[in-house]
Amino acid sequence: MQIGEVAERLGLSLRTIRHYEEVGLVVPARTQGGFRLYSEEDVQRLALIRRMKPLGFTLEEMRDLLEITDRLARGDDDPGLLTRLQLFEKTVAERADRLREQLAMAREFAEQLRRQRMNVPKAVSAR
C-alpha cells in the first residue's frame, strides 16, 4: 500500500506518517524508485500509534509498546513482556478515565454557557 492509501485509511497526514518513519516507529519497504510500500503489519503499527497519541504517550513509550507487541508476535515467552504489557493496559485505563472526566467537565461548562446565554434578556442579546 502506498503512503496516500495508508493516510486515507487511518486519517493521518502524510507528514505524520513520514515523521513516524523518521523516528523509527514504522519502517516501510521501498520500491526501486524509492516509493514507500506499507504492509498490513505497518498499517497496524500506525493504527496502534494513532490510538496512543490522544492518550499522551511519548514516542519512547510508543517505541516500547511496539517492541513488546513485536516480540510477543514472534513468540517471545519472556514473562517480563507480559508484565510490561499489563502496565500499558493500566496506564491506558487511567488516562482514558482522566479523559472521560475532562469531557464531562467540558460538557458541563458548555451547558452552563448555554443556560447563561438563554437567560440573557432579549434586548441585550439583540444588540
Protein backbone atom coordinates (compact mmCIF):
# COMPACT_ATOMS: atom_id res chain seq x y z
CA MET A 1 0.00 0.00 0.00
CA GLN A 2 1.34 3.45 -0.82
CA ILE A 3 1.55 6.25 1.73
CA GLY A 4 -1.51 8.09 0.40
CA GLU A 5 -3.67 4.99 0.81
CA VAL A 6 -2.41 4.49 4.35
CA ALA A 7 -3.03 8.15 5.20
CA GLU A 8 -6.61 7.96 3.94
CA ARG A 9 -7.32 4.65 5.64
CA LEU A 10 -6.05 5.81 9.04
CA GLY A 11 -6.92 9.50 8.89
CA LEU A 12 -3.29 10.53 9.30
CA SER A 13 -1.42 13.15 7.33
CA LEU A 14 1.43 12.21 5.02
CA ARG A 15 3.69 14.36 7.17
CA THR A 16 2.71 12.46 10.32
CA ILE A 17 3.36 9.09 8.71
CA ARG A 18 6.75 10.29 7.43
CA HIS A 19 7.58 11.57 10.93
CA TYR A 20 6.82 8.18 12.47
CA GLU A 21 9.09 6.66 9.85
CA GLU A 22 11.87 9.18 10.60
CA VAL A 23 11.80 8.32 14.30
CA GLY A 24 11.81 4.59 13.56
CA LEU A 25 8.32 3.62 14.69
CA VAL A 26 7.48 2.19 11.28
CA VAL A 27 9.85 1.10 8.52
CA PRO A 28 8.07 0.56 5.21
CA ALA A 29 9.63 -1.28 2.31
CA ARG A 30 10.82 0.78 -0.66
CA THR A 31 10.40 0.20 -4.36
CA GLN A 32 13.40 0.52 -6.65
CA GLY A 33 12.14 4.02 -7.42
CA GLY A 34 12.17 4.91 -3.72
CA PHE A 35 8.40 4.85 -3.13
CA ARG A 36 7.27 3.69 0.28
CA LEU A 37 5.26 0.47 0.37
CA TYR A 38 3.38 -0.27 3.58
CA SER A 39 2.43 -3.78 4.58
CA GLU A 40 -0.68 -4.62 6.58
CA GLU A 41 1.65 -5.01 9.59
CA ASP A 42 2.94 -1.45 9.03
CA VAL A 43 -0.65 -0.17 8.85
CA GLN A 44 -1.49 -1.94 12.11
CA ARG A 45 1.58 -0.38 13.77
CA LEU A 46 0.45 3.07 12.62
CA ALA A 47 -3.08 2.37 13.86
CA LEU A 48 -1.68 1.48 17.29
CA ILE A 49 0.40 4.67 17.32
CA ARG A 50 -2.68 6.67 16.31
CA ARG A 51 -4.58 5.27 19.29
CA MET A 52 -1.74 6.07 21.70
CA LYS A 53 -1.29 9.68 20.62
CA PRO A 54 -4.50 11.15 22.13
CA LEU A 55 -3.66 9.44 25.41
CA GLY A 56 -0.45 11.41 25.66
CA PHE A 57 2.06 8.61 25.13
CA THR A 58 5.54 9.77 24.20
CA LEU A 59 7.44 8.49 21.19
CA GLU A 60 9.63 6.46 23.54
CA GLU A 61 6.57 4.86 25.17
CA MET A 62 5.19 4.09 21.71
CA ARG A 63 8.50 2.52 20.74
CA ASP A 64 8.48 0.43 23.94
CA LEU A 65 4.95 -0.88 23.35
CA LEU A 66 5.74 -1.68 19.72
CA GLU A 67 8.80 -3.63 20.84
CA ILE A 68 6.65 -5.58 23.30
CA THR A 69 3.99 -6.39 20.71
CA ASP A 70 6.63 -7.31 18.10
CA ARG A 71 8.39 -9.68 20.46
CA LEU A 72 5.13 -11.29 21.60
CA ALA A 73 4.07 -11.73 17.95
CA ARG A 74 7.38 -13.54 17.28
CA GLY A 75 6.60 -15.96 20.12
CA ASP A 76 8.98 -14.50 22.71
CA ASP A 77 7.91 -16.02 26.04
CA ASP A 78 9.80 -13.62 28.31
CA PRO A 79 7.41 -13.15 31.28
CA GLY A 80 8.63 -9.58 31.63
CA LEU A 81 6.93 -8.73 28.35
CA LEU A 82 3.50 -9.57 29.73
CA THR A 83 4.23 -7.56 32.87
CA ARG A 84 5.19 -4.55 30.74
CA LEU A 85 2.08 -5.04 28.59
CA GLN A 86 -0.09 -5.10 31.72
CA LEU A 87 1.47 -1.81 32.83
CA PHE A 88 0.49 -0.28 29.49
CA GLU A 89 -3.06 -1.61 29.92
CA LYS A 90 -3.27 0.00 33.35
CA THR A 91 -1.87 3.30 32.05
CA VAL A 92 -4.35 3.33 29.16
CA ALA A 93 -7.25 2.75 31.55
CA GLU A 94 -6.08 5.56 33.86
CA ARG A 95 -5.60 8.02 31.01
CA ALA A 96 -8.95 7.12 29.47
CA ASP A 97 -10.62 7.76 32.84
CA ARG A 98 -8.97 11.19 33.00
CA LEU A 99 -10.17 12.00 29.50
CA ARG A 100 -13.72 10.97 30.41
CA GLU A 101 -13.57 13.27 33.44
CA GLN A 102 -12.30 16.15 31.29
CA LEU A 103 -15.03 15.52 28.73
CA ALA A 104 -17.68 15.57 31.44
CA MET A 105 -16.32 18.89 32.72
CA ALA A 106 -16.30 20.32 29.20
CA ARG A 107 -19.92 19.26 28.68
CA GLU A 108 -20.95 20.81 32.00
CA PHE A 109 -19.17 24.03 31.05
CA ALA A 110 -20.85 24.13 27.63
CA GLU A 111 -24.24 23.58 29.27
CA GLN A 112 -23.53 26.35 31.80
CA LEU A 113 -22.70 28.74 28.96
CA ARG A 114 -25.85 27.72 27.06
CA ARG A 115 -28.02 28.35 30.14
CA GLN A 116 -26.33 31.68 30.71
CA ARG A 117 -26.97 32.68 27.10
CA MET A 118 -30.61 31.60 27.37
CA ASN A 119 -31.09 33.79 30.47
CA VAL A 120 -29.83 36.97 28.78
CA PRO A 121 -32.74 39.42 28.26
CA LYS A 122 -33.85 39.68 24.60
CA ALA A 123 -32.96 43.40 24.37
CA VAL A 124 -29.34 42.69 25.39
CA SER A 125 -28.92 39.73 23.06
CA ALA A 126 -30.26 41.70 20.04
CA ARG A 127 -27.51 44.32 20.24
